[in-house]
Amino acid sequence: MRSWLFALLACYFSVAAFGQDPGVSDDPAGASAAAGQGGRASQGGGANADFDSLIDLIVSTVASESWAENGGGEAEIRPFPSGVYVDAEGVLQTTGVKPSVVTSKLPMRHQGPSKDVRKSADLRCVSLVRLEREMARRLKEGEPLEEAMLTLAGLQRVKYVFAQPASGDESGDVVIAGPAGDWQADGAGRLLNTDGEAILRLDDLLTLLRQDHAAPGSTFGCSITPRQESLAEIQAYIARTGQRDLPPGGRAQWLAGLRESVGRQDIEVWGMPPTSRVAKVLVEADHHMKLIGMGLRDGVPGVESYLSTVELDAAGNPPPMNVLRWWFTLNYQPVAANADRTLFELAGPGAKVLSENELLTQRGERVHTNASDEPTARFARLFTTHFNELCRRYPVYGELRSIFDLTLAVAIMRRESLLQQAAWTPTLFRSDESLPLPKYVAPKTVETVVNHRMIPAKKNRRVKHIVAGVSGGVWAASDEVLSKRSEREAAVELKATPNATQWWWDVK
């Protein structure tokens, strides 16, 4: 019997071995196993804060009924509330238990400059200058912040970014605009619109504004990376055990040895505070996408897992030894602008998945090929094609899309000097001391996830494919979008309202 090691995504690798284990089902879902299940989530860094204003706003808005002091459970600001969390050692875990989520000492209030803020609008404008000014006034006078401030008046996407240059005694403005409507918190603590998709959030915007990504080529993102020694060890494990058939009922023991050989993978976040909500979403979205790729989570119609599409060649052999990589990146059309470059139009689904097959040496070194085989590329292509449907089924992808929208909007502001045109220097928005953001436990490692599939082979024998998640990533590089000039001109005409205290308004 021969064995091969081949891999997946910055994210997995697959072992194929001839032989039959009578105790193994052909159903990938029923045969999957994930290490590191269960356990209790540790409290996030925000739980030790003194509930400054923005934290109070967040915790009073999102699932406030779960807060212990409001009569709920042991709720705190915790990372990965939707089935993924980080334990006290910084290990990313998955759980089927509904976790406690963000909470508060304040009663939940539905306030706003008008109750119309919860009505649907094809195009709603949010003035960042006036929003900061109004928040500063409320903080100074001891007034509560509005729930609509956290949700950026219910904005669902960023469609336009524009600046109104300062003129004489008139102050300028910087505005983001897009479709908007009502919102609610789901059972996992996410802020969603009435269709169940994630909306934009002020805390994500502030996180992005507070990072210095002005230099050309600046990026941020995350990676889930296998350790070289672990990759070498798993090849040695396969060599030791792959030459003999598994005994009846021996699959569980073999998989346990496989997981132990792979061990944990390292999580790295760069260009962004690893304790931020932005970092939390990046890691969660990437991890979840890999689970779909391995057949451990359902996709949507049209999105098949990598494992389900693997086929044997004419000689009955599985794919050759390599390492699969899938990663998220921005997916927008070239940004259109008006003639004087004060207004910019964003268009596109927001995110896409790219792929690569890496070679794997005996020492566990990964060698880039800048190419993908068809099964690897197929999953990335289908995931990208059906990304909007995936956002509706799994809100974490909508949260990733919202972050990418805001990322591109902030990059436009910096690249085109829109803040300077408006003569606006953010103070409250740029200060973590004046307006602190919640902090979450930073994920550092993740346990191996294993799945397999039995494929019929010649002579009534079977080939067993075992897939182990080993790495992944998110790569956010706005320059790659902004370096491409659009053939179109942004023709819409947007202006700030004359009411100096109104921070949001609808364009009819």
Protein backbone atom coordinates (compact mmCIF):
# COMPACT_ATOMS: atom_id res chain seq x y z
CA MET A 1 0.00 0.00 0.00
CA ARG A 2 1.31 3.47 -0.88
CA SER A 3 0.57 6.78 0.77
CA TRP A 4 0.71 10.43 -0.27
CA LEU A 5 0.62 13.69 1.59
CA PHE A 6 -0.91 16.61 -0.23
CA ALA A 7 -2.29 19.77 1.13
CA LEU A 8 -4.73 22.49 1.13
CA LEU A 9 -4.94 26.06 1.57
CA ALA A 10 -2.68 27.99 3.39
CA CYS A 11 -5.01 25.86 5.02
CA TYR A 12 -4.91 22.16 4.92
CA PHE A 13 -3.44 19.05 3.80
CA SER A 14 -4.73 15.76 2.65
CA VAL A 15 -3.47 12.26 3.14
CA ALA A 16 -4.45 9.45 0.82
CA ALA A 17 -3.85 5.80 1.71
CA PHE A 18 -4.96 2.59 0.04
CA GLY A 19 -6.78 0.20 2.34
CA GLN A 20 -10.16 -0.18 3.91
CA ASP A 21 -11.31 0.61 7.42
CA PRO A 22 -14.64 -1.23 7.89
CA GLY A 23 -15.59 1.22 10.60
CA VAL A 24 -15.49 4.27 8.30
CA SER A 25 -18.59 5.79 6.73
CA ASP A 26 -18.63 7.27 3.25
CA ASP A 27 -20.37 10.37 4.59
CA PRO A 28 -17.79 13.19 5.02
CA ALA A 29 -19.96 15.01 7.52
CA GLY A 30 -20.41 11.96 9.68
CA ALA A 31 -16.72 11.08 9.50
CA SER A 32 -15.33 14.49 10.39
CA ALA A 33 -13.53 15.24 13.61
CA ALA A 34 -12.29 18.49 15.10
CA ALA A 35 -9.74 18.82 17.85
CA GLY A 36 -10.08 21.23 20.72
CA GLN A 37 -13.84 21.14 21.20
CA GLY A 38 -15.66 22.26 24.30
CA GLY A 39 -14.23 24.24 27.18
CA ARG A 40 -15.15 27.54 28.66
CA ALA A 41 -14.33 30.90 27.10
CA SER A 42 -12.18 33.26 29.09
CA GLN A 43 -13.25 36.82 29.51
CA GLY A 44 -12.03 39.38 27.03
CA GLY A 45 -9.90 42.37 27.89
CA GLY A 46 -12.96 44.60 27.67
CA ALA A 47 -14.41 42.91 30.73
CA ASN A 48 -11.87 44.71 32.91
CA ALA A 49 -12.54 48.14 31.43
CA ASP A 50 -14.48 50.74 33.35
CA PHE A 51 -17.21 50.86 30.69
CA ASP A 52 -16.30 54.07 28.96
CA SER A 53 -18.85 55.60 26.68
CA LEU A 54 -18.32 53.68 23.45
CA ILE A 55 -18.04 50.38 25.29
CA ASP A 56 -21.23 51.23 27.14
CA LEU A 57 -22.88 51.97 23.81
CA ILE A 58 -21.78 48.66 22.33
CA VAL A 59 -22.72 46.55 25.30
CA SER A 60 -26.04 48.28 25.82
CA THR A 61 -26.97 47.74 22.17
CA VAL A 62 -25.92 44.15 21.52
CA ALA A 63 -27.72 41.39 23.42
CA SER A 64 -27.99 43.45 26.60
CA GLU A 65 -30.41 40.95 28.11
CA SER A 66 -27.54 38.47 28.50
CA TRP A 67 -25.59 40.75 30.84
CA ALA A 68 -25.33 39.42 34.39
CA GLU A 69 -26.19 42.75 35.94
CA ASN A 70 -29.35 42.90 33.84
CA GLY A 71 -30.45 39.53 35.15
CA GLY A 72 -28.87 37.45 32.39
CA GLY A 73 -26.02 34.97 32.46
CA GLU A 74 -22.31 35.49 32.90
CA ALA A 75 -22.00 37.72 29.86
CA GLU A 76 -18.99 39.84 29.09
CA ILE A 77 -17.34 41.26 26.01
CA ARG A 78 -16.05 38.05 24.50
CA PRO A 79 -14.43 37.20 21.18
CA PHE A 80 -15.92 34.98 18.50
CA PRO A 81 -19.47 34.84 19.90
CA SER A 82 -20.94 32.80 17.05
CA GLY A 83 -19.66 29.32 17.73
CA VAL A 84 -15.96 30.23 17.91
CA TYR A 85 -14.11 31.57 20.93
CA VAL A 86 -10.62 31.99 22.35
CA ASP A 87 -9.68 30.24 25.56
CA ALA A 88 -7.41 31.55 28.33
CA GLU A 89 -4.31 30.35 26.48
CA GLY A 90 -5.25 32.15 23.27
CA VAL A 91 -6.32 28.95 21.49
CA LEU A 92 -9.07 29.36 18.91
CA GLN A 93 -11.84 26.88 19.69
CA THR A 94 -15.16 25.94 18.14
CA THR A 95 -18.22 25.18 20.21
CA GLY A 96 -21.82 24.17 19.66
CA VAL A 97 -22.90 25.92 22.86
CA LYS A 98 -24.59 29.28 22.48
CA PRO A 99 -22.14 31.65 24.18
CA SER A 100 -22.74 34.74 26.20
CA VAL A 101 -22.07 37.88 24.24
CA VAL A 102 -21.43 41.56 24.56
CA THR A 103 -23.21 43.17 27.50
CA SER A 104 -23.76 46.29 29.53
CA LYS A 105 -24.55 48.12 32.73
CA LEU A 106 -26.82 50.48 30.80
CA PRO A 107 -30.41 49.90 29.76
CA MET A 108 -30.88 49.50 26.02
CA ARG A 109 -32.16 52.67 24.38
CA HIS A 110 -33.46 53.26 20.90
CA GLN A 111 -32.48 56.86 20.43
CA GLY A 112 -31.65 58.94 17.41
CA PRO A 113 -32.03 62.33 15.82
CA SER A 114 -35.23 60.87 14.40
CA LYS A 115 -37.00 57.55 14.54
CA ASP A 116 -36.72 57.66 10.75
CA VAL A 117 -33.16 56.40 11.14
CA ARG A 118 -34.60 52.87 11.23
CA LYS A 119 -36.47 53.31 7.96
CA SER A 120 -35.03 51.89 4.76
CA ALA A 121 -33.21 54.26 2.45
CA ASP A 122 -31.59 53.65 -0.92
CA LEU A 123 -28.94 56.23 -0.08
CA ARG A 124 -28.13 57.50 3.40
CA CYS A 125 -25.29 59.90 4.15
CA VAL A 126 -23.28 59.88 7.38
CA SER A 127 -21.09 62.89 8.14
CA LEU A 128 -18.01 61.76 10.05
CA VAL A 129 -17.19 65.34 11.01
CA ARG A 130 -20.61 66.00 12.52
CA LEU A 131 -20.84 62.54 14.09
CA GLU A 132 -17.57 63.10 15.94
CA ARG A 133 -18.67 66.58 16.98
CA GLU A 134 -22.02 65.33 18.32
CA MET A 135 -20.42 62.45 20.19
CA ALA A 136 -17.89 64.81 21.78
CA ARG A 137 -20.68 67.13 22.87
CA ARG A 138 -22.65 64.30 24.46
CA LEU A 139 -19.61 62.97 26.28
CA LYS A 140 -18.80 66.44 27.62
CA GLU A 141 -22.36 67.00 28.84
CA GLY A 142 -22.74 63.51 30.25
CA GLU A 143 -25.42 62.44 27.80
CA PRO A 144 -25.67 58.85 26.51
CA LEU A 145 -24.54 58.08 22.99
CA GLU A 146 -27.20 57.06 20.50
CA GLU A 147 -27.56 53.49 19.36
CA ALA A 148 -27.66 54.78 15.79
CA MET A 149 -24.10 56.06 16.25
CA LEU A 150 -22.76 52.53 16.76
CA THR A 151 -24.56 51.34 13.61
CA LEU A 152 -23.59 54.40 11.54
CA ALA A 153 -27.31 55.13 11.09
CA GLY A 154 -27.94 51.60 9.79
CA LEU A 155 -25.56 51.76 6.81
CA GLN A 156 -25.37 48.38 5.08
CA ARG A 157 -22.62 49.07 2.53
CA VAL A 158 -20.32 51.92 1.61
CA LYS A 159 -21.28 53.07 -1.88
CA TYR A 160 -19.86 56.60 -1.87
CA VAL A 161 -17.13 58.54 -0.09
CA PHE A 162 -17.03 62.28 -0.58
CA ALA A 163 -15.56 65.45 0.85
CA GLN A 164 -17.00 68.92 0.97
CA PRO A 165 -13.97 71.21 0.98
CA ALA A 166 -13.80 73.92 3.60
CA SER A 167 -14.48 77.38 2.20
CA GLY A 168 -13.93 80.63 4.06
CA ASP A 169 -15.76 80.43 7.39
CA GLU A 170 -17.66 77.34 6.32
CA SER A 171 -16.29 74.09 7.70
CA GLY A 172 -15.82 71.15 5.38
CA ASP A 173 -17.13 67.62 5.69
CA VAL A 174 -16.19 64.01 5.02
CA VAL A 175 -19.13 61.71 4.31
CA ILE A 176 -19.74 58.02 3.65
CA ALA A 177 -23.01 56.97 2.03
CA GLY A 178 -24.86 53.85 1.02
CA PRO A 179 -28.08 51.86 1.45
CA ALA A 180 -29.41 51.74 5.00
CA GLY A 181 -32.26 50.49 7.12
CA ASP A 182 -33.34 48.91 10.37
CA TRP A 183 -31.07 46.66 12.42
CA GLN A 184 -31.18 44.20 15.27
CA ALA A 185 -28.84 42.06 17.36
CA ASP A 186 -29.01 38.32 16.74
CA GLY A 187 -28.57 35.63 19.36
CA ALA A 188 -24.82 35.61 18.78
CA GLY A 189 -24.45 39.34 19.32
CA ARG A 190 -24.00 40.44 15.72
CA LEU A 191 -25.70 43.59 14.41
CA LEU A 192 -27.74 42.59 11.35
CA ASN A 193 -30.20 44.20 8.97
CA THR A 194 -33.70 42.82 8.44
CA ASP A 195 -32.36 40.38 5.83
CA GLY A 196 -29.93 38.91 8.35
CA GLU A 197 -26.81 40.48 6.86
CA ALA A 198 -24.19 42.36 8.86
CA ILE A 199 -24.20 46.16 8.80
CA LEU A 200 -21.38 48.67 9.20
CA ARG A 201 -20.10 49.46 12.70
CA LEU A 202 -18.54 52.55 14.21
CA ASP A 203 -16.03 50.57 16.29
CA ASP A 204 -14.65 48.91 13.15
CA LEU A 205 -14.36 52.29 11.43
CA LEU A 206 -12.49 53.77 14.39
CA THR A 207 -10.11 50.81 14.50
CA LEU A 208 -9.24 51.41 10.85
CA LEU A 209 -8.91 55.19 11.28
CA ARG A 210 -6.49 54.67 14.15
CA GLN A 211 -4.06 52.56 12.13
CA ASP A 212 -1.35 54.12 10.00
CA HIS A 213 -1.95 52.57 6.61
CA ALA A 214 -1.16 55.68 4.63
CA ALA A 215 2.10 54.42 3.15
CA PRO A 216 1.86 52.86 -0.33
CA GLY A 217 1.75 49.11 -0.16
CA SER A 218 0.49 49.01 3.43
CA THR A 219 -1.57 45.96 4.27
CA PHE A 220 -3.23 44.25 7.19
CA GLY A 221 -4.58 40.79 7.67
CA CYS A 222 -4.12 37.48 9.43
CA SER A 223 -2.63 34.07 8.82
CA ILE A 224 -3.12 30.59 10.26
CA THR A 225 0.24 28.97 9.66
CA PRO A 226 1.45 25.39 10.13
CA ARG A 227 4.69 24.92 11.99
CA GLN A 228 7.47 23.50 9.85
CA GLU A 229 8.36 20.85 12.41
CA SER A 230 4.72 19.73 12.49
CA LEU A 231 4.57 19.35 8.72
CA ALA A 232 7.74 17.27 8.83
CA GLU A 233 6.37 15.16 11.69
CA ILE A 234 3.12 14.36 9.90
CA GLN A 235 5.02 13.10 6.88
CA ALA A 236 7.04 10.88 9.19
CA TYR A 237 3.81 9.70 10.82
CA ILE A 238 2.31 8.81 7.46
CA ALA A 239 5.49 6.96 6.51
CA ARG A 240 5.35 4.95 9.76
CA THR A 241 1.66 4.07 9.61
CA GLY A 242 0.65 4.36 5.95
CA GLN A 243 2.09 1.06 4.76
CA ARG A 244 -0.45 -1.08 6.54
CA ASP A 245 -4.24 -1.30 6.41
CA LEU A 246 -6.15 0.14 9.32
CA PRO A 247 -7.62 -2.55 11.56
CA PRO A 248 -11.40 -2.61 12.10
CA GLY A 249 -12.31 0.32 14.32
CA GLY A 250 -8.80 1.74 14.07
CA ARG A 251 -9.74 4.98 12.34
CA ALA A 252 -10.24 7.02 15.52
CA GLN A 253 -6.84 6.07 16.88
CA TRP A 254 -5.17 6.81 13.55
CA LEU A 255 -6.84 10.24 13.31
CA ALA A 256 -5.84 11.04 16.90
CA GLY A 257 -2.23 10.28 16.01
CA LEU A 258 -2.55 12.44 12.90
CA ARG A 259 -3.88 15.40 14.90
CA GLU A 260 -1.17 14.99 17.49
CA SER A 261 1.47 15.03 14.75
CA VAL A 262 0.10 18.22 13.24
CA GLY A 263 -0.47 19.88 16.61
CA ARG A 264 -1.55 23.49 16.73
CA GLN A 265 -1.11 26.11 14.05
CA ASP A 266 0.00 29.65 14.81
CA ILE A 267 -2.34 32.61 14.28
CA GLU A 268 -0.78 35.93 13.38
CA VAL A 269 -2.50 39.28 12.94
CA TRP A 270 -0.55 42.13 11.40
CA GLY A 271 -1.27 45.78 10.66
CA MET A 272 -4.13 45.71 13.16
CA PRO A 273 -4.38 45.35 16.97
CA PRO A 274 -4.82 41.60 17.56
CA THR A 275 -7.25 42.42 20.39
CA SER A 276 -9.56 44.44 18.11
CA ARG A 277 -12.94 43.35 16.78
CA VAL A 278 -11.55 43.75 13.26
CA ALA A 279 -8.89 41.12 14.00
CA LYS A 280 -11.53 38.87 15.54
CA VAL A 281 -13.65 38.97 12.40
CA LEU A 282 -10.70 38.36 10.07
CA VAL A 283 -9.63 35.23 11.92
CA GLU A 284 -13.16 33.90 12.37
CA ALA A 285 -14.08 34.39 8.70
CA ASP A 286 -10.90 32.72 7.53
CA HIS A 287 -11.29 29.78 9.91
CA HIS A 288 -14.93 29.28 8.93
CA MET A 289 -14.15 29.41 5.21
CA LYS A 290 -11.63 26.59 5.72
CA LEU A 291 -14.26 24.49 7.49
CA ILE A 292 -16.53 24.85 4.45
CA GLY A 293 -13.62 23.97 2.20
CA MET A 294 -13.04 20.77 4.16
CA GLY A 295 -16.71 19.80 4.23
CA LEU A 296 -17.07 20.41 7.98
CA ARG A 297 -19.61 23.21 7.46
CA ASP A 298 -22.26 23.44 4.78
CA GLY A 299 -21.79 25.99 2.05
CA VAL A 300 -24.69 27.28 -0.04
CA PRO A 301 -26.11 25.74 -3.25
CA GLY A 302 -23.34 25.87 -5.81
CA VAL A 303 -20.46 25.80 -3.32
CA GLU A 304 -18.93 22.35 -3.00
CA SER A 305 -16.13 21.51 -0.60
CA TYR A 306 -12.68 20.74 -1.92
CA LEU A 307 -12.87 17.25 -0.48
CA SER A 308 -16.06 16.39 -2.38
CA THR A 309 -14.47 17.23 -5.75
CA VAL A 310 -11.17 15.33 -5.38
CA GLU A 311 -10.88 12.54 -7.95
CA LEU A 312 -8.36 9.81 -8.68
CA ASP A 313 -6.32 9.95 -11.86
CA ALA A 314 -6.43 7.30 -14.58
CA ALA A 315 -3.99 5.15 -12.62
CA GLY A 316 -6.15 5.33 -9.51
CA ASN A 317 -3.85 7.72 -7.66
CA PRO A 318 -4.91 10.77 -5.61
CA PRO A 319 -3.45 14.24 -6.25
CA PRO A 320 0.31 14.57 -5.77
CA MET A 321 1.97 15.90 -2.65
CA ASN A 322 1.37 19.64 -2.21
CA VAL A 323 -0.08 22.22 0.19
CA LEU A 324 -3.33 24.02 -0.54
CA ARG A 325 -3.77 27.70 0.19
CA TRP A 326 -6.99 29.75 0.16
CA TRP A 327 -7.14 33.31 1.41
CA PHE A 328 -9.54 36.28 1.43
CA THR A 329 -8.72 39.56 -0.26
CA LEU A 330 -10.58 42.68 -1.46
CA ASN A 331 -12.86 42.37 -4.50
CA TYR A 332 -13.97 45.71 -5.98
CA GLN A 333 -14.22 47.27 -9.39
CA PRO A 334 -11.88 50.18 -10.10
CA VAL A 335 -13.10 53.13 -8.03
CA ALA A 336 -14.89 55.81 -10.06
CA ALA A 337 -14.46 59.50 -9.18
CA ASN A 338 -16.03 62.80 -10.20
CA ALA A 339 -14.11 65.41 -12.18
CA ASP A 340 -12.67 67.28 -9.18
CA ARG A 341 -11.98 64.05 -7.23
CA THR A 342 -14.07 64.92 -4.22
CA LEU A 343 -16.54 62.06 -4.68
CA PHE A 344 -15.71 58.37 -5.12
CA GLU A 345 -17.96 55.43 -5.94
CA LEU A 346 -17.33 51.89 -4.66
CA ALA A 347 -18.76 48.87 -6.45
CA GLY A 348 -18.25 45.14 -6.13
CA PRO A 349 -19.04 42.18 -3.87
CA GLY A 350 -16.30 43.21 -1.44
CA ALA A 351 -14.34 39.97 -0.92
CA LYS A 352 -13.00 37.06 -2.91
CA VAL A 353 -11.01 33.90 -2.22
CA LEU A 354 -7.71 33.21 -3.98
CA SER A 355 -5.85 29.92 -4.07
CA GLU A 356 -2.47 28.30 -4.55
CA ASN A 357 -0.94 24.85 -4.30
CA GLU A 358 2.38 24.82 -2.49
CA LEU A 359 4.93 22.02 -2.65
CA LEU A 360 5.91 20.44 0.67
CA THR A 361 9.45 19.23 1.31
CA GLN A 362 10.39 16.36 3.59
CA ARG A 363 11.61 18.91 6.14
CA GLY A 364 8.17 20.52 6.22
CA GLU A 365 9.15 23.56 4.13
CA ARG A 366 6.44 25.06 1.93
CA VAL A 367 7.47 26.13 -1.59
CA HIS A 368 5.33 28.66 -3.47
CA THR A 369 4.24 27.68 -6.97
CA ASN A 370 1.92 30.61 -7.81
CA ALA A 371 -0.44 28.07 -9.35
CA SER A 372 -3.49 26.02 -8.34
CA ASP A 373 -4.81 22.67 -9.48
CA GLU A 374 -8.45 22.52 -10.57
CA PRO A 375 -10.04 21.23 -7.29
CA THR A 376 -8.22 23.91 -5.27
CA ALA A 377 -9.06 26.72 -7.70
CA ARG A 378 -12.64 25.47 -8.09
CA PHE A 379 -13.48 25.92 -4.42
CA ALA A 380 -12.01 29.45 -4.41
CA ARG A 381 -13.91 30.33 -7.58
CA LEU A 382 -17.26 28.99 -6.33
CA PHE A 383 -16.88 30.63 -2.93
CA THR A 384 -16.23 33.97 -4.64
CA THR A 385 -19.12 33.56 -7.10
CA HIS A 386 -21.59 32.83 -4.30
CA PHE A 387 -20.14 35.24 -1.75
CA ASN A 388 -23.33 37.29 -1.43
CA GLU A 389 -25.38 34.17 -0.67
CA LEU A 390 -22.76 33.10 1.88
CA CYS A 391 -23.07 36.51 3.57
CA ARG A 392 -26.78 35.92 4.02
CA ARG A 393 -26.29 32.44 5.46
CA TYR A 394 -23.25 33.22 7.63
CA PRO A 395 -23.15 36.81 8.96
CA VAL A 396 -19.40 36.62 9.65
CA TYR A 397 -18.78 37.00 5.92
CA GLY A 398 -20.99 40.09 5.89
CA GLU A 399 -18.91 41.45 8.76
CA LEU A 400 -15.76 40.82 6.74
CA ARG A 401 -17.34 42.60 3.76
CA SER A 402 -18.26 45.57 5.97
CA ILE A 403 -14.68 45.81 7.19
CA PHE A 404 -13.40 45.68 3.62
CA ASP A 405 -15.87 48.44 2.61
CA LEU A 406 -14.61 50.63 5.45
CA THR A 407 -11.00 49.73 4.64
CA LEU A 408 -11.37 50.98 1.08
CA ALA A 409 -13.25 54.09 2.24
CA VAL A 410 -10.50 55.01 4.73
CA ALA A 411 -7.83 54.32 2.10
CA ILE A 412 -9.58 56.72 -0.30
CA MET A 413 -9.72 59.39 2.39
CA ARG A 414 -5.99 59.09 2.92
CA ARG A 415 -4.91 58.68 -0.69
CA GLU A 416 -7.03 61.61 -1.90
CA SER A 417 -6.39 63.82 1.17
CA LEU A 418 -10.12 64.20 1.80
CA LEU A 419 -9.61 65.08 5.47
CA GLN A 420 -7.26 67.89 4.46
CA GLN A 421 -9.73 69.14 1.87
CA ALA A 422 -12.38 69.34 4.59
CA ALA A 423 -9.89 70.91 7.03
CA TRP A 424 -10.81 68.18 9.51
CA THR A 425 -8.40 66.61 11.97
CA PRO A 426 -10.14 63.83 13.90
CA THR A 427 -9.56 64.04 17.63
CA LEU A 428 -12.07 61.87 19.46
CA PHE A 429 -12.10 59.34 16.62
CA ARG A 430 -8.32 58.97 16.71
CA SER A 431 -7.91 58.82 20.50
CA ASP A 432 -8.08 55.51 22.30
CA GLU A 433 -7.81 57.37 25.59
CA SER A 434 -10.79 59.65 24.98
CA LEU A 435 -12.89 56.99 23.28
CA PRO A 436 -11.53 53.51 24.10
CA LEU A 437 -12.63 50.52 22.06
CA PRO A 438 -13.44 47.11 23.54
CA LYS A 439 -10.60 44.61 23.61
CA TYR A 440 -10.93 40.91 22.97
CA VAL A 441 -8.68 37.98 23.78
CA ALA A 442 -6.15 37.76 20.95
CA PRO A 443 -6.17 34.34 19.23
CA LYS A 444 -2.69 32.83 19.04
CA THR A 445 -3.12 29.22 17.97
CA VAL A 446 -5.76 26.85 16.63
CA GLU A 447 -6.07 23.09 16.93
CA THR A 448 -6.01 20.88 13.85
CA VAL A 449 -9.31 20.03 12.18
CA VAL A 450 -9.56 16.68 10.44
CA ASN A 451 -11.98 15.31 7.87
CA HIS A 452 -11.84 12.47 5.35
CA ARG A 453 -13.62 10.95 2.40
CA MET A 454 -13.66 7.37 1.08
CA ILE A 455 -13.28 7.16 -2.70
CA PRO A 456 -13.88 3.91 -4.64
CA ALA A 457 -10.71 2.65 -6.32
CA LYS A 458 -9.88 -0.19 -8.65
CA LYS A 459 -10.14 -3.87 -7.69
CA ASN A 460 -12.83 -3.15 -5.09
CA ARG A 461 -10.35 -1.34 -2.89
CA ARG A 462 -10.85 2.18 -1.51
CA VAL A 463 -8.75 5.27 -1.14
CA LYS A 464 -9.21 7.21 2.04
CA HIS A 465 -8.61 10.96 1.89
CA ILE A 466 -7.87 12.64 5.19
CA VAL A 467 -7.82 16.42 5.30
CA ALA A 468 -6.23 18.42 8.11
CA GLY A 469 -6.58 22.19 8.41
CA VAL A 470 -3.16 23.74 8.75
CA SER A 471 -3.20 27.39 7.65
CA GLY A 472 -5.06 30.23 5.98
CA GLY A 473 -5.28 33.98 5.79
CA VAL A 474 -6.79 37.35 4.96
CA TRP A 475 -4.83 39.86 2.91
CA ALA A 476 -6.26 43.39 2.79
CA ALA A 477 -4.32 45.58 0.36
CA SER A 478 -6.36 48.60 -0.71
CA ASP A 479 -3.59 49.86 -3.01
CA GLU A 480 -4.27 46.91 -5.31
CA VAL A 481 -7.77 48.31 -5.87
CA LEU A 482 -6.96 52.02 -5.92
CA SER A 483 -4.06 51.64 -8.36
CA LYS A 484 -6.57 50.76 -11.11
CA ARG A 485 -8.26 53.79 -12.63
CA SER A 486 -11.91 53.49 -13.61
CA GLU A 487 -13.18 54.32 -17.08
CA ARG A 488 -16.38 55.62 -15.52
CA GLU A 489 -17.04 58.94 -13.81
CA ALA A 490 -19.04 59.10 -10.59
CA ALA A 491 -22.00 61.17 -11.77
CA VAL A 492 -24.13 61.32 -8.62
CA GLU A 493 -24.23 64.69 -6.86
CA LEU A 494 -24.08 64.61 -3.06
CA LYS A 495 -23.95 67.55 -0.73
CA ALA A 496 -23.95 67.99 3.02
CA THR A 497 -27.12 69.37 4.54
CA PRO A 498 -27.12 72.95 5.81
CA ASN A 499 -28.17 71.74 9.29
CA ALA A 500 -24.84 71.78 11.14
CA THR A 501 -26.03 69.44 13.90
CA GLN A 502 -27.59 66.74 11.71
CA TRP A 503 -24.99 63.98 11.26
CA TRP A 504 -27.03 61.71 8.96
CA TRP A 505 -29.61 62.35 6.24
CA ASP A 506 -31.27 60.53 3.36
CA VAL A 507 -30.89 61.46 -0.28
CA LYS A 508 -34.25 61.30 -2.01
